[in-house]
Amino acid sequence: MDETSEYICPSCGESIRLYVDPSAGANQDYVEDCPVCCRPNVIHVMFDRVGNASIAADSE
C-alpha cells in the first residue's frame, strides 16, 4: 500500500502530497495548512476496503 496520496489545494490550486495513516481510521478529517500558500484546509481522508486512500480538501 502506498502511504501517500495527493489533493489539490482549494485556495491556490497546487497539487499537495500527504502521508496518510490507515491506523487512524477509515474516515479521517483534520485541518492542515497548505505548504505552498499557508491557508488552512480541512482534509478528508477515506480508505477503501483494500486500504487505498483518497483525499479531498475544502477551505477552512
N, C-alpha and C. Protein backbone atom coordinates (compact mmCIF):
# COMPACT_ATOMS: atom_id res chain seq x y z
N MET A 1 0.83 -1.18 0.00
CA MET A 1 0.00 0.00 0.00
C MET A 1 0.88 1.24 0.00
N ASP A 2 0.51 2.21 -0.84
CA ASP A 2 1.21 3.48 -0.89
C ASP A 2 0.78 4.30 0.32
N GLU A 3 1.72 4.84 1.06
CA GLU A 3 1.40 5.61 2.26
C GLU A 3 1.27 7.10 1.97
N THR A 4 1.21 7.48 0.70
CA THR A 4 0.99 8.88 0.34
C THR A 4 -0.19 8.98 -0.62
N SER A 5 -0.76 10.15 -0.64
CA SER A 5 -1.84 10.45 -1.58
C SER A 5 -1.80 11.94 -1.85
N GLU A 6 -2.50 12.38 -2.90
CA GLU A 6 -2.46 13.78 -3.30
C GLU A 6 -3.83 14.42 -3.27
N TYR A 7 -3.83 15.73 -3.06
CA TYR A 7 -5.05 16.53 -3.20
C TYR A 7 -4.67 17.85 -3.84
N ILE A 8 -5.66 18.57 -4.34
CA ILE A 8 -5.46 19.90 -4.90
C ILE A 8 -5.91 20.92 -3.87
N CYS A 9 -5.04 21.86 -3.53
CA CYS A 9 -5.39 22.90 -2.57
C CYS A 9 -6.51 23.75 -3.16
N PRO A 10 -7.63 23.90 -2.44
CA PRO A 10 -8.74 24.70 -2.96
C PRO A 10 -8.44 26.20 -3.01
N SER A 11 -7.39 26.65 -2.33
CA SER A 11 -7.05 28.07 -2.32
C SER A 11 -6.10 28.46 -3.44
N CYS A 12 -5.03 27.68 -3.63
CA CYS A 12 -4.01 28.06 -4.61
C CYS A 12 -3.94 27.15 -5.83
N GLY A 13 -4.60 25.98 -5.76
CA GLY A 13 -4.62 25.08 -6.91
C GLY A 13 -3.41 24.17 -7.05
N GLU A 14 -2.49 24.21 -6.11
CA GLU A 14 -1.31 23.35 -6.17
C GLU A 14 -1.66 21.92 -5.77
N SER A 15 -0.95 20.98 -6.37
CA SER A 15 -1.09 19.58 -6.00
C SER A 15 -0.21 19.31 -4.79
N ILE A 16 -0.80 18.78 -3.73
CA ILE A 16 -0.09 18.55 -2.47
C ILE A 16 -0.09 17.06 -2.17
N ARG A 17 1.07 16.51 -1.85
CA ARG A 17 1.21 15.10 -1.48
C ARG A 17 1.31 15.00 0.03
N LEU A 18 0.48 14.12 0.61
CA LEU A 18 0.46 13.92 2.06
C LEU A 18 0.75 12.47 2.39
N TYR A 19 1.37 12.25 3.52
CA TYR A 19 1.46 10.91 4.08
C TYR A 19 0.14 10.61 4.77
N VAL A 20 -0.38 9.41 4.58
CA VAL A 20 -1.65 9.02 5.19
C VAL A 20 -1.41 7.85 6.14
N ASP A 21 -2.23 7.77 7.18
CA ASP A 21 -2.07 6.76 8.22
C ASP A 21 -3.37 5.98 8.37
N PRO A 22 -3.46 4.78 7.81
CA PRO A 22 -4.69 4.00 7.92
C PRO A 22 -5.02 3.57 9.35
N SER A 23 -4.06 3.60 10.25
CA SER A 23 -4.32 3.18 11.63
C SER A 23 -5.20 4.20 12.37
N ALA A 24 -5.38 5.41 11.81
CA ALA A 24 -6.21 6.43 12.43
C ALA A 24 -7.68 6.29 12.06
N GLY A 25 -8.03 5.28 11.27
CA GLY A 25 -9.42 5.03 10.92
C GLY A 25 -9.67 5.14 9.42
N ALA A 26 -10.80 4.57 8.99
CA ALA A 26 -11.14 4.54 7.57
C ALA A 26 -11.55 5.90 7.04
N ASN A 27 -12.11 6.75 7.89
CA ASN A 27 -12.52 8.10 7.51
C ASN A 27 -11.91 9.09 8.48
N GLN A 28 -11.10 10.01 7.97
CA GLN A 28 -10.40 10.97 8.81
C GLN A 28 -10.65 12.38 8.32
N ASP A 29 -10.84 13.30 9.23
CA ASP A 29 -10.98 14.72 8.93
C ASP A 29 -10.07 15.51 9.87
N TYR A 30 -9.28 16.40 9.32
CA TYR A 30 -8.43 17.24 10.14
C TYR A 30 -8.05 18.50 9.37
N VAL A 31 -7.52 19.49 10.05
CA VAL A 31 -7.12 20.75 9.43
C VAL A 31 -5.60 20.76 9.29
N GLU A 32 -5.15 21.14 8.09
CA GLU A 32 -3.72 21.25 7.84
C GLU A 32 -3.49 22.43 6.91
N ASP A 33 -2.46 23.22 7.19
CA ASP A 33 -2.13 24.35 6.33
C ASP A 33 -1.49 23.86 5.04
N CYS A 34 -1.83 24.51 3.94
CA CYS A 34 -1.19 24.21 2.66
C CYS A 34 0.28 24.61 2.75
N PRO A 35 1.20 23.73 2.35
CA PRO A 35 2.63 24.08 2.43
C PRO A 35 3.05 25.12 1.39
N VAL A 36 2.18 25.42 0.42
CA VAL A 36 2.51 26.41 -0.61
C VAL A 36 1.96 27.79 -0.24
N CYS A 37 0.64 27.88 0.02
CA CYS A 37 0.03 29.19 0.28
C CYS A 37 -0.26 29.46 1.75
N CYS A 38 -0.05 28.47 2.61
CA CYS A 38 -0.20 28.57 4.06
C CYS A 38 -1.64 28.76 4.53
N ARG A 39 -2.62 28.60 3.66
CA ARG A 39 -4.01 28.72 4.08
C ARG A 39 -4.48 27.39 4.66
N PRO A 40 -5.34 27.43 5.68
CA PRO A 40 -5.81 26.18 6.29
C PRO A 40 -6.83 25.46 5.40
N ASN A 41 -6.68 24.15 5.33
CA ASN A 41 -7.59 23.29 4.58
C ASN A 41 -8.14 22.22 5.51
N VAL A 42 -9.41 21.88 5.33
CA VAL A 42 -9.98 20.72 6.01
C VAL A 42 -9.72 19.53 5.09
N ILE A 43 -8.93 18.59 5.58
CA ILE A 43 -8.54 17.42 4.81
C ILE A 43 -9.47 16.28 5.16
N HIS A 44 -9.99 15.61 4.13
CA HIS A 44 -10.85 14.43 4.30
C HIS A 44 -10.12 13.25 3.67
N VAL A 45 -9.73 12.29 4.49
CA VAL A 45 -9.05 11.09 4.01
C VAL A 45 -10.00 9.91 4.16
N MET A 46 -10.16 9.15 3.08
CA MET A 46 -11.02 7.97 3.09
C MET A 46 -10.23 6.78 2.55
N PHE A 47 -10.32 5.66 3.26
CA PHE A 47 -9.67 4.44 2.82
C PHE A 47 -10.72 3.46 2.34
N ASP A 48 -10.45 2.80 1.21
CA ASP A 48 -11.38 1.78 0.74
C ASP A 48 -11.09 0.46 1.44
N ARG A 49 -11.80 -0.58 1.07
CA ARG A 49 -11.67 -1.88 1.76
C ARG A 49 -10.31 -2.53 1.63
N VAL A 50 -9.58 -2.20 0.56
CA VAL A 50 -8.25 -2.79 0.39
C VAL A 50 -7.13 -1.87 0.89
N GLY A 51 -7.51 -0.69 1.44
CA GLY A 51 -6.52 0.19 2.05
C GLY A 51 -6.02 1.32 1.18
N ASN A 52 -6.60 1.50 -0.02
CA ASN A 52 -6.21 2.62 -0.87
C ASN A 52 -6.86 3.90 -0.35
N ALA A 53 -6.08 4.97 -0.31
CA ALA A 53 -6.56 6.24 0.23
C ALA A 53 -6.98 7.19 -0.88
N SER A 54 -7.99 7.98 -0.60
CA SER A 54 -8.33 9.12 -1.44
C SER A 54 -8.48 10.32 -0.51
N ILE A 55 -8.10 11.49 -1.03
CA ILE A 55 -8.10 12.71 -0.22
C ILE A 55 -8.92 13.78 -0.95
N ALA A 56 -9.70 14.51 -0.18
CA ALA A 56 -10.39 15.70 -0.67
C ALA A 56 -10.08 16.81 0.32
N ALA A 57 -10.15 18.05 -0.15
CA ALA A 57 -9.85 19.18 0.73
C ALA A 57 -10.85 20.31 0.47
N ASP A 58 -11.21 20.98 1.54
CA ASP A 58 -12.06 22.16 1.48
C ASP A 58 -11.34 23.29 2.22
N SER A 59 -11.57 24.51 1.78
CA SER A 59 -11.02 25.66 2.52
C SER A 59 -11.69 25.73 3.88
N GLU A 60 -10.91 26.11 4.88
CA GLU A 60 -11.49 26.21 6.22
C GLU A 60 -12.26 27.50 6.35
